[in-house]
Amino acid sequence: MYASFAHELSVLTRIRPESSIPLMTSRVGCLKVTLFIVMASACSDSNGLGTATFTNSERTDTLYALIGTPVQTPSAYAIQGSRRVRTDTTSNFDFAFNIQGDGSHVFIPRAALGIDSTANVKPGLLASPSTFEAITEAPSNGYITDQVVPIAVGDRYVVRSRVTCNIGVPTYAKLEVVSLDDVARTVAFRILSDDNCGFKGLQPGLPDR
């Protein structure tokens, strides 16, 4: 089902094929790392992490449905850098939003669209029963990566990105669905991303974990 859905979207030219897109230059929160030593340019703590350089801050963003909206509107999201993405210009994103034929609202992880589905670490979403403020650290596993994720107002998720760091790890975020508009075909959500490579802290300010 997901393969045919991805094909349909490609036919509609909402998603640019991966093979035609240059690699995105990652924002890097860590400096040079060796197997056993964190170089002197980054101070290490008890967890072996360098000093965080990007401050976590909350923002609110809006995405437009993949189908039924103008092609130039952003329908996808990249966790690192907290960026809305137009799917007709790049496939460098972590999840997209759509309103299905039955009217349900969904987030769609990258692999569920047939993009880079064989990657070892795939972007995904993990539902959380905690309040937005109580989500303080991202888990490593348990994310839905290869199927659509139904959403509703008030739902909260921890989100894992694709691998964008030069040390081979993803970045993380937390989000809460704020509103869904069936006329404008949009979703609005509050989100806080941790752009520091190797860190999983999801509280405002500089993370320490």
N, C-alpha and C. Protein backbone atom coordinates (compact mmCIF):
# COMPACT_ATOMS: atom_id res chain seq x y z
N MET A 1 0.83 -1.19 0.00
CA MET A 1 0.00 0.00 0.00
C MET A 1 0.87 1.25 0.00
N TYR A 2 1.94 1.24 0.82
CA TYR A 2 2.78 2.42 0.93
C TYR A 2 3.57 2.65 -0.34
N ALA A 3 3.97 1.56 -1.01
CA ALA A 3 4.73 1.72 -2.25
C ALA A 3 3.86 2.38 -3.31
N SER A 4 2.59 1.96 -3.41
CA SER A 4 1.72 2.55 -4.40
C SER A 4 1.42 4.00 -4.06
N PHE A 5 1.32 4.29 -2.76
CA PHE A 5 1.07 5.66 -2.32
C PHE A 5 2.25 6.55 -2.70
N ALA A 6 3.47 6.04 -2.46
CA ALA A 6 4.67 6.80 -2.82
C ALA A 6 4.73 7.02 -4.32
N HIS A 7 4.35 5.99 -5.10
CA HIS A 7 4.35 6.13 -6.55
C HIS A 7 3.36 7.19 -6.99
N GLU A 8 2.19 7.19 -6.35
CA GLU A 8 1.18 8.19 -6.70
C GLU A 8 1.70 9.59 -6.45
N LEU A 9 2.39 9.77 -5.32
CA LEU A 9 2.92 11.08 -5.01
C LEU A 9 3.99 11.49 -6.00
N SER A 10 4.83 10.53 -6.42
CA SER A 10 5.87 10.85 -7.39
C SER A 10 5.25 11.29 -8.71
N VAL A 11 4.17 10.61 -9.10
CA VAL A 11 3.48 10.98 -10.34
C VAL A 11 2.96 12.41 -10.23
N LEU A 12 2.53 12.78 -9.05
CA LEU A 12 2.03 14.13 -8.84
C LEU A 12 3.15 15.15 -8.69
N THR A 13 4.43 14.67 -8.77
CA THR A 13 5.64 15.51 -8.70
C THR A 13 5.76 16.25 -7.38
N ARG A 14 5.13 15.73 -6.33
CA ARG A 14 5.30 16.38 -5.04
C ARG A 14 6.60 15.96 -4.37
N ILE A 15 7.18 14.84 -4.81
CA ILE A 15 8.43 14.37 -4.20
C ILE A 15 9.47 14.22 -5.28
N ARG A 16 10.56 14.92 -5.12
CA ARG A 16 11.64 14.83 -6.10
C ARG A 16 12.45 13.58 -5.84
N PRO A 17 12.81 12.78 -6.87
CA PRO A 17 13.55 11.53 -6.64
C PRO A 17 14.85 11.78 -5.91
N GLU A 18 15.17 10.89 -4.99
CA GLU A 18 16.35 11.00 -4.15
C GLU A 18 17.64 11.07 -4.97
N SER A 19 17.71 10.28 -6.05
CA SER A 19 18.95 10.15 -6.79
C SER A 19 19.36 11.44 -7.48
N SER A 20 18.45 12.39 -7.65
CA SER A 20 18.77 13.59 -8.38
C SER A 20 19.11 14.77 -7.48
N ILE A 21 19.24 14.49 -6.18
CA ILE A 21 19.40 15.57 -5.23
C ILE A 21 20.77 15.53 -4.60
N PRO A 22 21.52 16.64 -4.59
CA PRO A 22 22.81 16.65 -3.92
C PRO A 22 22.64 16.48 -2.43
N LEU A 23 23.64 15.91 -1.79
CA LEU A 23 23.58 15.69 -0.37
C LEU A 23 23.52 17.01 0.37
N MET A 24 22.71 17.08 1.41
CA MET A 24 22.60 18.29 2.21
C MET A 24 23.80 18.42 3.11
N THR A 25 24.34 19.63 3.22
CA THR A 25 25.43 19.88 4.16
C THR A 25 24.83 19.96 5.55
N SER A 26 25.26 19.08 6.43
CA SER A 26 24.68 19.00 7.76
C SER A 26 25.14 20.14 8.65
N ARG A 27 24.22 20.60 9.52
CA ARG A 27 24.66 21.43 10.62
C ARG A 27 25.26 20.49 11.64
N VAL A 28 26.45 20.78 12.09
CA VAL A 28 27.17 19.84 12.94
C VAL A 28 27.33 20.42 14.32
N GLY A 29 26.83 19.66 15.32
CA GLY A 29 26.94 20.09 16.70
C GLY A 29 28.17 19.56 17.39
N CYS A 30 28.87 18.65 16.75
CA CYS A 30 30.07 18.08 17.35
C CYS A 30 31.25 18.37 16.44
N LEU A 31 32.41 18.53 17.01
CA LEU A 31 33.63 18.70 16.23
C LEU A 31 34.24 17.34 15.98
N LYS A 32 35.51 17.27 15.68
CA LYS A 32 36.13 16.01 15.28
C LYS A 32 36.11 14.99 16.41
N VAL A 33 35.68 13.76 16.07
CA VAL A 33 35.58 12.69 17.06
C VAL A 33 36.37 11.49 16.58
N THR A 34 37.21 10.92 17.42
CA THR A 34 37.88 9.67 17.10
C THR A 34 37.21 8.56 17.88
N LEU A 35 37.68 7.32 17.67
CA LEU A 35 37.02 6.18 18.30
C LEU A 35 37.07 6.27 19.81
N PHE A 36 38.19 6.68 20.38
CA PHE A 36 38.33 6.68 21.82
C PHE A 36 38.48 8.07 22.43
N ILE A 37 38.78 9.07 21.60
CA ILE A 37 39.14 10.36 22.16
C ILE A 37 38.29 11.46 21.56
N VAL A 38 37.69 12.29 22.40
CA VAL A 38 37.07 13.50 21.92
C VAL A 38 38.17 14.55 21.87
N MET A 39 38.37 15.15 20.72
CA MET A 39 39.50 16.05 20.54
C MET A 39 39.39 17.26 21.46
N ALA A 40 40.50 17.89 21.68
CA ALA A 40 40.56 18.99 22.63
C ALA A 40 39.66 20.15 22.24
N SER A 41 39.26 20.22 20.98
CA SER A 41 38.40 21.32 20.55
C SER A 41 36.98 21.19 21.08
N ALA A 42 36.62 20.05 21.63
CA ALA A 42 35.31 19.87 22.25
C ALA A 42 35.50 19.28 23.63
N CYS A 43 34.98 19.99 24.62
CA CYS A 43 35.13 19.51 25.99
C CYS A 43 34.23 18.30 26.19
N SER A 44 34.71 17.29 26.89
CA SER A 44 33.91 16.09 27.10
C SER A 44 33.36 16.07 28.51
N ASP A 45 32.21 15.38 28.65
CA ASP A 45 31.64 15.18 29.98
C ASP A 45 31.69 13.70 30.30
N SER A 46 30.97 13.29 31.37
CA SER A 46 31.05 11.91 31.82
C SER A 46 30.45 10.94 30.81
N ASN A 47 29.61 11.45 29.88
CA ASN A 47 29.02 10.59 28.87
C ASN A 47 29.84 10.56 27.58
N GLY A 48 30.95 11.25 27.56
CA GLY A 48 31.77 11.27 26.37
C GLY A 48 31.25 12.18 25.28
N LEU A 49 30.29 13.06 25.60
CA LEU A 49 29.73 13.98 24.61
C LEU A 49 30.53 15.27 24.61
N GLY A 50 30.63 15.89 23.44
CA GLY A 50 31.22 17.21 23.39
C GLY A 50 30.27 18.23 23.98
N THR A 51 30.75 19.44 24.13
CA THR A 51 29.91 20.52 24.66
C THR A 51 28.85 20.90 23.63
N ALA A 52 27.61 20.96 24.06
CA ALA A 52 26.52 21.36 23.16
C ALA A 52 26.73 22.80 22.70
N THR A 53 26.47 23.07 21.44
CA THR A 53 26.65 24.42 20.90
C THR A 53 25.35 25.04 20.40
N PHE A 54 24.32 24.23 20.16
CA PHE A 54 23.03 24.74 19.69
C PHE A 54 22.03 24.73 20.84
N THR A 55 21.38 25.85 21.07
CA THR A 55 20.41 25.99 22.15
C THR A 55 19.05 25.42 21.71
N ASN A 56 18.46 24.56 22.53
CA ASN A 56 17.13 24.04 22.25
C ASN A 56 16.09 25.14 22.51
N SER A 57 15.21 25.37 21.55
CA SER A 57 14.14 26.34 21.75
C SER A 57 12.89 25.88 21.04
N GLU A 58 11.76 26.17 21.64
CA GLU A 58 10.47 25.75 21.08
C GLU A 58 10.00 26.71 20.00
N ARG A 59 9.32 26.18 19.01
CA ARG A 59 8.72 26.99 17.97
C ARG A 59 7.43 26.33 17.52
N THR A 60 6.64 27.03 16.74
CA THR A 60 5.41 26.47 16.16
C THR A 60 5.51 26.54 14.64
N ASP A 61 5.20 25.43 13.98
CA ASP A 61 5.28 25.36 12.53
C ASP A 61 4.00 24.80 11.95
N THR A 62 3.79 25.05 10.66
CA THR A 62 2.61 24.57 9.95
C THR A 62 3.04 23.85 8.67
N LEU A 63 2.45 22.69 8.42
CA LEU A 63 2.68 21.96 7.19
C LEU A 63 1.37 21.81 6.43
N TYR A 64 1.49 21.69 5.10
CA TYR A 64 0.35 21.50 4.22
C TYR A 64 0.30 20.06 3.72
N ALA A 65 -0.88 19.55 3.51
CA ALA A 65 -1.03 18.16 3.06
C ALA A 65 -0.29 17.93 1.75
N LEU A 66 0.26 16.74 1.60
CA LEU A 66 0.96 16.37 0.37
C LEU A 66 0.06 16.46 -0.86
N ILE A 67 -1.20 16.10 -0.68
CA ILE A 67 -2.15 16.06 -1.79
C ILE A 67 -3.26 17.08 -1.54
N GLY A 68 -3.61 17.83 -2.59
CA GLY A 68 -4.71 18.78 -2.48
C GLY A 68 -4.31 20.17 -2.07
N THR A 69 -3.00 20.48 -2.10
CA THR A 69 -2.51 21.81 -1.78
C THR A 69 -1.55 22.26 -2.89
N PRO A 70 -1.29 23.55 -3.02
CA PRO A 70 -0.36 24.02 -4.05
C PRO A 70 1.01 23.38 -3.89
N VAL A 71 1.64 23.08 -5.02
CA VAL A 71 2.91 22.35 -5.00
C VAL A 71 4.00 23.13 -4.28
N GLN A 72 3.90 24.45 -4.24
CA GLN A 72 4.96 25.24 -3.63
C GLN A 72 4.84 25.36 -2.11
N THR A 73 3.80 24.76 -1.54
CA THR A 73 3.65 24.82 -0.08
C THR A 73 4.46 23.71 0.58
N PRO A 74 5.03 23.96 1.78
CA PRO A 74 5.84 22.94 2.47
C PRO A 74 4.96 21.85 3.07
N SER A 75 5.26 20.61 2.72
CA SER A 75 4.48 19.47 3.22
C SER A 75 5.31 18.54 4.11
N ALA A 76 6.60 18.80 4.24
CA ALA A 76 7.48 17.91 4.99
C ALA A 76 8.34 18.71 5.96
N TYR A 77 9.05 17.98 6.82
CA TYR A 77 9.81 18.63 7.89
C TYR A 77 11.14 17.94 8.09
N ALA A 78 12.19 18.75 8.26
CA ALA A 78 13.52 18.25 8.59
C ALA A 78 13.82 18.63 10.03
N ILE A 79 14.12 17.63 10.87
CA ILE A 79 14.34 17.87 12.29
C ILE A 79 15.55 18.77 12.52
N GLN A 80 16.70 18.42 11.93
CA GLN A 80 17.87 19.24 12.16
C GLN A 80 17.70 20.59 11.48
N GLY A 81 17.76 21.63 12.29
CA GLY A 81 17.51 22.97 11.78
C GLY A 81 16.06 23.39 11.85
N SER A 82 15.16 22.49 12.26
CA SER A 82 13.72 22.80 12.37
C SER A 82 13.22 23.48 11.11
N ARG A 83 13.30 22.76 9.98
CA ARG A 83 13.00 23.36 8.68
C ARG A 83 11.78 22.72 8.03
N ARG A 84 10.88 23.57 7.55
CA ARG A 84 9.81 23.10 6.68
C ARG A 84 10.39 22.89 5.29
N VAL A 85 9.91 21.85 4.59
CA VAL A 85 10.53 21.45 3.33
C VAL A 85 9.47 21.31 2.24
N ARG A 86 9.77 21.86 1.08
CA ARG A 86 8.95 21.63 -0.11
C ARG A 86 9.37 20.30 -0.73
N THR A 87 8.45 19.40 -0.88
CA THR A 87 8.80 18.07 -1.38
C THR A 87 9.01 18.03 -2.89
N ASP A 88 8.69 19.12 -3.59
CA ASP A 88 8.95 19.15 -5.03
C ASP A 88 10.38 19.57 -5.34
N THR A 89 11.13 20.03 -4.34
CA THR A 89 12.49 20.50 -4.57
C THR A 89 13.56 19.62 -3.94
N THR A 90 13.20 18.84 -2.93
CA THR A 90 14.19 17.99 -2.27
C THR A 90 13.48 16.87 -1.51
N SER A 91 14.20 15.79 -1.27
CA SER A 91 13.69 14.71 -0.39
C SER A 91 14.49 14.65 0.90
N ASN A 92 15.21 15.72 1.20
CA ASN A 92 15.96 15.80 2.46
C ASN A 92 15.04 16.25 3.58
N PHE A 93 14.19 15.33 4.02
CA PHE A 93 13.28 15.59 5.13
C PHE A 93 13.09 14.30 5.92
N ASP A 94 12.42 14.42 7.07
CA ASP A 94 12.26 13.27 7.96
C ASP A 94 10.83 12.73 8.00
N PHE A 95 9.85 13.59 7.87
CA PHE A 95 8.46 13.13 7.80
C PHE A 95 7.65 14.15 7.03
N ALA A 96 6.50 13.70 6.53
CA ALA A 96 5.59 14.58 5.79
C ALA A 96 4.20 14.49 6.42
N PHE A 97 3.33 15.39 6.00
CA PHE A 97 1.95 15.41 6.49
C PHE A 97 1.00 15.20 5.32
N ASN A 98 -0.08 14.46 5.59
CA ASN A 98 -1.11 14.31 4.56
C ASN A 98 -2.48 14.12 5.21
N ILE A 99 -3.51 14.43 4.43
CA ILE A 99 -4.88 14.07 4.78
C ILE A 99 -5.29 12.96 3.82
N GLN A 100 -5.58 11.79 4.36
CA GLN A 100 -5.87 10.62 3.54
C GLN A 100 -7.24 10.74 2.87
N GLY A 101 -7.49 9.82 1.95
CA GLY A 101 -8.76 9.82 1.24
C GLY A 101 -9.96 9.66 2.14
N ASP A 102 -9.77 9.00 3.29
CA ASP A 102 -10.88 8.82 4.24
C ASP A 102 -11.01 9.97 5.21
N GLY A 103 -10.17 11.03 5.03
CA GLY A 103 -10.25 12.20 5.90
C GLY A 103 -9.34 12.15 7.10
N SER A 104 -8.65 11.04 7.32
CA SER A 104 -7.76 10.93 8.47
C SER A 104 -6.49 11.75 8.23
N HIS A 105 -5.91 12.23 9.33
CA HIS A 105 -4.71 13.04 9.29
C HIS A 105 -3.52 12.17 9.71
N VAL A 106 -2.43 12.26 8.96
CA VAL A 106 -1.30 11.38 9.25
C VAL A 106 0.02 12.11 9.05
N PHE A 107 1.01 11.70 9.86
CA PHE A 107 2.40 11.99 9.57
C PHE A 107 2.96 10.76 8.86
N ILE A 108 3.84 10.98 7.89
CA ILE A 108 4.37 9.88 7.09
C ILE A 108 5.89 9.91 7.18
N PRO A 109 6.50 8.96 7.89
CA PRO A 109 7.96 8.91 7.94
C PRO A 109 8.54 8.71 6.54
N ARG A 110 9.74 9.15 6.37
CA ARG A 110 10.43 9.12 5.07
C ARG A 110 10.41 7.73 4.41
N ALA A 111 10.70 6.68 5.19
CA ALA A 111 10.76 5.34 4.61
C ALA A 111 9.40 4.86 4.14
N ALA A 112 8.32 5.33 4.78
CA ALA A 112 6.97 4.93 4.36
C ALA A 112 6.61 5.51 3.00
N LEU A 113 7.38 6.50 2.55
CA LEU A 113 7.20 7.06 1.22
C LEU A 113 8.12 6.40 0.20
N GLY A 114 8.85 5.38 0.65
CA GLY A 114 9.74 4.67 -0.24
C GLY A 114 11.07 5.36 -0.46
N ILE A 115 11.41 6.32 0.40
CA ILE A 115 12.66 7.07 0.27
C ILE A 115 13.70 6.51 1.24
N ASP A 116 14.82 6.05 0.71
CA ASP A 116 15.93 5.57 1.54
C ASP A 116 15.45 4.53 2.57
N SER A 117 14.58 3.63 2.11
CA SER A 117 13.93 2.69 3.03
C SER A 117 14.86 1.59 3.54
N THR A 118 16.07 1.49 2.97
CA THR A 118 17.01 0.46 3.42
C THR A 118 18.06 1.01 4.38
N ALA A 119 17.95 2.28 4.77
CA ALA A 119 18.92 2.87 5.69
C ALA A 119 18.90 2.14 7.03
N ASN A 120 20.05 2.06 7.68
CA ASN A 120 20.14 1.39 8.97
C ASN A 120 19.37 2.15 10.05
N VAL A 121 19.45 3.46 10.01
CA VAL A 121 18.71 4.30 10.96
C VAL A 121 17.73 5.14 10.16
N LYS A 122 16.43 4.92 10.39
CA LYS A 122 15.40 5.62 9.64
C LYS A 122 14.71 6.65 10.52
N PRO A 123 14.27 7.76 9.93
CA PRO A 123 13.46 8.71 10.69
C PRO A 123 12.17 8.05 11.15
N GLY A 124 11.66 8.47 12.29
CA GLY A 124 10.43 7.89 12.79
C GLY A 124 9.81 8.70 13.90
N LEU A 125 8.62 8.29 14.29
CA LEU A 125 7.88 8.96 15.36
C LEU A 125 7.51 7.95 16.44
N LEU A 126 7.54 8.41 17.68
CA LEU A 126 7.21 7.58 18.82
C LEU A 126 6.21 8.34 19.69
N ALA A 127 4.99 7.81 19.80
CA ALA A 127 3.96 8.47 20.61
C ALA A 127 4.37 8.50 22.07
N SER A 128 4.00 9.60 22.75
CA SER A 128 4.33 9.74 24.17
C SER A 128 3.09 10.09 24.96
N PRO A 129 2.89 9.43 26.11
CA PRO A 129 1.75 9.78 26.97
C PRO A 129 2.05 10.97 27.87
N SER A 130 3.29 11.41 27.89
CA SER A 130 3.71 12.51 28.77
C SER A 130 3.28 13.86 28.19
N THR A 131 3.23 14.87 29.05
CA THR A 131 2.99 16.22 28.56
C THR A 131 4.21 16.67 27.75
N PHE A 132 4.02 17.70 26.96
CA PHE A 132 5.13 18.20 26.14
C PHE A 132 6.31 18.58 27.03
N GLU A 133 6.03 19.28 28.12
CA GLU A 133 7.10 19.73 29.00
C GLU A 133 7.78 18.57 29.70
N ALA A 134 7.06 17.47 29.94
CA ALA A 134 7.63 16.34 30.68
C ALA A 134 8.50 15.44 29.80
N ILE A 135 8.47 15.63 28.50
CA ILE A 135 9.36 14.87 27.61
C ILE A 135 10.73 15.54 27.65
N THR A 136 11.67 14.94 28.34
CA THR A 136 12.96 15.59 28.57
C THR A 136 14.12 14.91 27.86
N GLU A 137 13.93 13.68 27.39
CA GLU A 137 15.02 12.97 26.72
C GLU A 137 14.44 11.99 25.71
N ALA A 138 15.07 11.90 24.56
CA ALA A 138 14.59 11.00 23.50
C ALA A 138 15.13 9.59 23.71
N PRO A 139 14.29 8.58 23.59
CA PRO A 139 14.78 7.20 23.61
C PRO A 139 15.48 6.88 22.30
N SER A 140 16.27 5.82 22.30
CA SER A 140 17.01 5.44 21.10
C SER A 140 16.16 4.62 20.13
N ASN A 141 15.21 3.84 20.66
CA ASN A 141 14.48 2.89 19.83
C ASN A 141 12.97 3.01 20.05
N GLY A 142 12.22 2.24 19.25
CA GLY A 142 10.77 2.18 19.39
C GLY A 142 10.01 3.05 18.41
N TYR A 143 10.68 3.68 17.47
CA TYR A 143 10.05 4.62 16.55
C TYR A 143 9.34 3.90 15.40
N ILE A 144 8.20 4.43 15.00
CA ILE A 144 7.51 3.95 13.80
C ILE A 144 8.19 4.59 12.60
N THR A 145 8.73 3.76 11.72
CA THR A 145 9.53 4.28 10.61
C THR A 145 9.00 3.96 9.23
N ASP A 146 8.14 2.94 9.11
CA ASP A 146 7.78 2.46 7.77
C ASP A 146 6.27 2.39 7.53
N GLN A 147 5.49 3.12 8.32
CA GLN A 147 4.06 3.17 8.08
C GLN A 147 3.53 4.53 8.52
N VAL A 148 2.36 4.89 8.02
CA VAL A 148 1.78 6.18 8.37
C VAL A 148 1.40 6.19 9.84
N VAL A 149 1.43 7.39 10.43
CA VAL A 149 1.12 7.56 11.85
C VAL A 149 -0.10 8.46 11.97
N PRO A 150 -1.26 7.91 12.34
CA PRO A 150 -2.46 8.75 12.51
C PRO A 150 -2.24 9.76 13.63
N ILE A 151 -2.73 10.98 13.45
CA ILE A 151 -2.53 12.03 14.45
C ILE A 151 -3.85 12.72 14.76
N ALA A 152 -3.91 13.34 15.94
CA ALA A 152 -5.06 14.12 16.37
C ALA A 152 -4.54 15.27 17.21
N VAL A 153 -5.36 16.29 17.36
CA VAL A 153 -4.98 17.44 18.18
C VAL A 153 -4.67 16.98 19.61
N GLY A 154 -3.55 17.43 20.13
CA GLY A 154 -3.13 17.05 21.47
C GLY A 154 -2.16 15.89 21.52
N ASP A 155 -2.02 15.15 20.41
CA ASP A 155 -1.06 14.05 20.38
C ASP A 155 0.36 14.59 20.49
N ARG A 156 1.20 13.82 21.19
CA ARG A 156 2.60 14.21 21.36
C ARG A 156 3.51 13.08 20.90
N TYR A 157 4.62 13.45 20.30
CA TYR A 157 5.56 12.47 19.74
C TYR A 157 6.99 12.90 20.00
N VAL A 158 7.85 11.91 20.17
CA VAL A 158 9.28 12.12 20.04
C VAL A 158 9.62 11.73 18.60
N VAL A 159 10.46 12.53 17.95
CA VAL A 159 10.77 12.31 16.54
C VAL A 159 12.27 12.10 16.38
N ARG A 160 12.62 11.09 15.61
CA ARG A 160 14.03 10.83 15.27
C ARG A 160 14.27 11.20 13.81
N SER A 161 15.39 11.87 13.54
CA SER A 161 15.71 12.28 12.18
C SER A 161 16.44 11.17 11.44
N ARG A 162 16.65 11.38 10.16
CA ARG A 162 17.61 10.56 9.42
C ARG A 162 19.01 10.92 9.92
N VAL A 163 20.03 10.17 9.51
CA VAL A 163 21.40 10.48 9.93
C VAL A 163 21.87 11.70 9.16
N THR A 164 22.11 12.79 9.89
CA THR A 164 22.58 14.03 9.28
C THR A 164 23.91 14.48 9.88
N CYS A 165 24.32 13.87 10.97
CA CYS A 165 25.57 14.27 11.64
C CYS A 165 26.76 13.53 11.03
N ASN A 166 27.92 14.17 11.03
CA ASN A 166 29.09 13.53 10.43
C ASN A 166 29.68 12.44 11.33
N ILE A 167 29.10 12.26 12.52
CA ILE A 167 29.53 11.13 13.37
C ILE A 167 28.57 9.95 13.24
N GLY A 168 27.64 10.03 12.28
CA GLY A 168 26.79 8.89 11.96
C GLY A 168 25.62 8.65 12.87
N VAL A 169 25.07 9.70 13.48
CA VAL A 169 23.92 9.54 14.37
C VAL A 169 22.81 10.50 13.94
N PRO A 170 21.56 10.21 14.33
CA PRO A 170 20.46 11.12 14.04
C PRO A 170 20.36 12.22 15.10
N THR A 171 19.46 13.15 14.89
CA THR A 171 19.10 14.11 15.91
C THR A 171 17.64 13.86 16.31
N TYR A 172 17.18 14.56 17.36
CA TYR A 172 15.87 14.25 17.94
C TYR A 172 15.07 15.52 18.22
N ALA A 173 13.75 15.33 18.33
CA ALA A 173 12.85 16.43 18.64
C ALA A 173 11.63 15.89 19.36
N LYS A 174 10.86 16.80 19.93
CA LYS A 174 9.54 16.44 20.46
C LYS A 174 8.54 17.41 19.84
N LEU A 175 7.32 16.92 19.59
CA LEU A 175 6.29 17.80 19.02
C LEU A 175 4.93 17.47 19.61
N GLU A 176 4.06 18.45 19.54
CA GLU A 176 2.66 18.29 19.96
C GLU A 176 1.77 18.91 18.89
N VAL A 177 0.77 18.15 18.45
CA VAL A 177 -0.16 18.64 17.44
C VAL A 177 -1.07 19.68 18.08
N VAL A 178 -1.09 20.88 17.49
CA VAL A 178 -1.85 22.00 18.05
C VAL A 178 -3.20 22.17 17.35
N SER A 179 -3.21 22.04 16.02
CA SER A 179 -4.47 22.22 15.29
C SER A 179 -4.43 21.49 13.96
N LEU A 180 -5.61 21.15 13.46
CA LEU A 180 -5.79 20.53 12.15
C LEU A 180 -6.89 21.29 11.42
N ASP A 181 -6.62 21.71 10.19
CA ASP A 181 -7.56 22.51 9.42
C ASP A 181 -7.87 21.78 8.12
N ASP A 182 -9.08 21.26 8.01
CA ASP A 182 -9.45 20.49 6.82
C ASP A 182 -9.73 21.37 5.61
N VAL A 183 -10.03 22.63 5.83
CA VAL A 183 -10.26 23.54 4.71
C VAL A 183 -8.93 23.95 4.08
N ALA A 184 -8.00 24.43 4.94
CA ALA A 184 -6.67 24.80 4.44
C ALA A 184 -5.79 23.58 4.22
N ARG A 185 -6.22 22.43 4.75
CA ARG A 185 -5.47 21.17 4.67
C ARG A 185 -4.08 21.31 5.30
N THR A 186 -4.10 21.76 6.56
CA THR A 186 -2.86 22.01 7.28
C THR A 186 -2.85 21.35 8.65
N VAL A 187 -1.65 21.20 9.18
CA VAL A 187 -1.45 20.82 10.57
C VAL A 187 -0.50 21.84 11.18
N ALA A 188 -0.78 22.26 12.41
CA ALA A 188 0.13 23.13 13.16
C ALA A 188 0.60 22.36 14.38
N PHE A 189 1.87 22.52 14.71
CA PHE A 189 2.42 21.81 15.86
C PHE A 189 3.51 22.63 16.52
N ARG A 190 3.64 22.45 17.82
CA ARG A 190 4.77 23.01 18.55
C ARG A 190 5.88 21.97 18.54
N ILE A 191 7.11 22.43 18.41
CA ILE A 191 8.22 21.50 18.28
C ILE A 191 9.47 22.06 18.94
N LEU A 192 10.25 21.20 19.54
CA LEU A 192 11.56 21.55 20.09
C LEU A 192 12.55 20.52 19.59
N SER A 193 13.58 20.97 18.88
CA SER A 193 14.58 20.08 18.31
C SER A 193 15.91 20.26 19.02
N ASP A 194 16.66 19.17 19.14
CA ASP A 194 18.02 19.21 19.65
C ASP A 194 18.96 18.98 18.46
N ASP A 195 19.62 20.04 18.00
CA ASP A 195 20.48 19.95 16.82
C ASP A 195 21.91 19.52 17.15
N ASN A 196 22.18 19.22 18.41
CA ASN A 196 23.53 18.83 18.82
C ASN A 196 23.75 17.34 18.58
N CYS A 197 24.74 17.02 17.75
CA CYS A 197 24.99 15.63 17.39
C CYS A 197 25.35 14.79 18.62
N GLY A 198 24.66 13.66 18.78
CA GLY A 198 24.94 12.77 19.89
C GLY A 198 24.13 13.06 21.14
N PHE A 199 23.41 14.19 21.15
CA PHE A 199 22.61 14.57 22.32
C PHE A 199 21.15 14.16 22.12
N LYS A 200 20.45 13.91 23.24
CA LYS A 200 19.05 13.52 23.20
C LYS A 200 18.20 14.35 24.16
N GLY A 201 18.79 15.41 24.70
CA GLY A 201 18.07 16.24 25.65
C GLY A 201 16.99 17.07 24.96
N LEU A 202 15.79 17.08 25.50
CA LEU A 202 14.65 17.77 24.87
C LEU A 202 14.03 18.78 25.81
N GLN A 203 14.88 19.55 26.49
CA GLN A 203 14.43 20.66 27.32
C GLN A 203 15.00 21.94 26.74
N PRO A 204 14.36 23.08 27.01
CA PRO A 204 14.88 24.36 26.51
C PRO A 204 16.30 24.63 27.06
N GLY A 205 17.09 25.33 26.26
CA GLY A 205 18.45 25.67 26.68
C GLY A 205 19.49 24.73 26.09
N LEU A 206 20.71 24.82 26.58
CA LEU A 206 21.77 23.94 26.12
C LEU A 206 21.62 22.57 26.77
N PRO A 207 21.51 21.51 25.99
CA PRO A 207 21.35 20.16 26.59
C PRO A 207 22.66 19.68 27.19
N ASP A 208 22.54 18.80 28.18
CA ASP A 208 23.74 18.22 28.82
C ASP A 208 23.75 16.70 28.69
N ARG A 209 22.86 16.17 27.86
CA ARG A 209 22.77 14.71 27.67
C ARG A 209 22.28 14.38 26.28
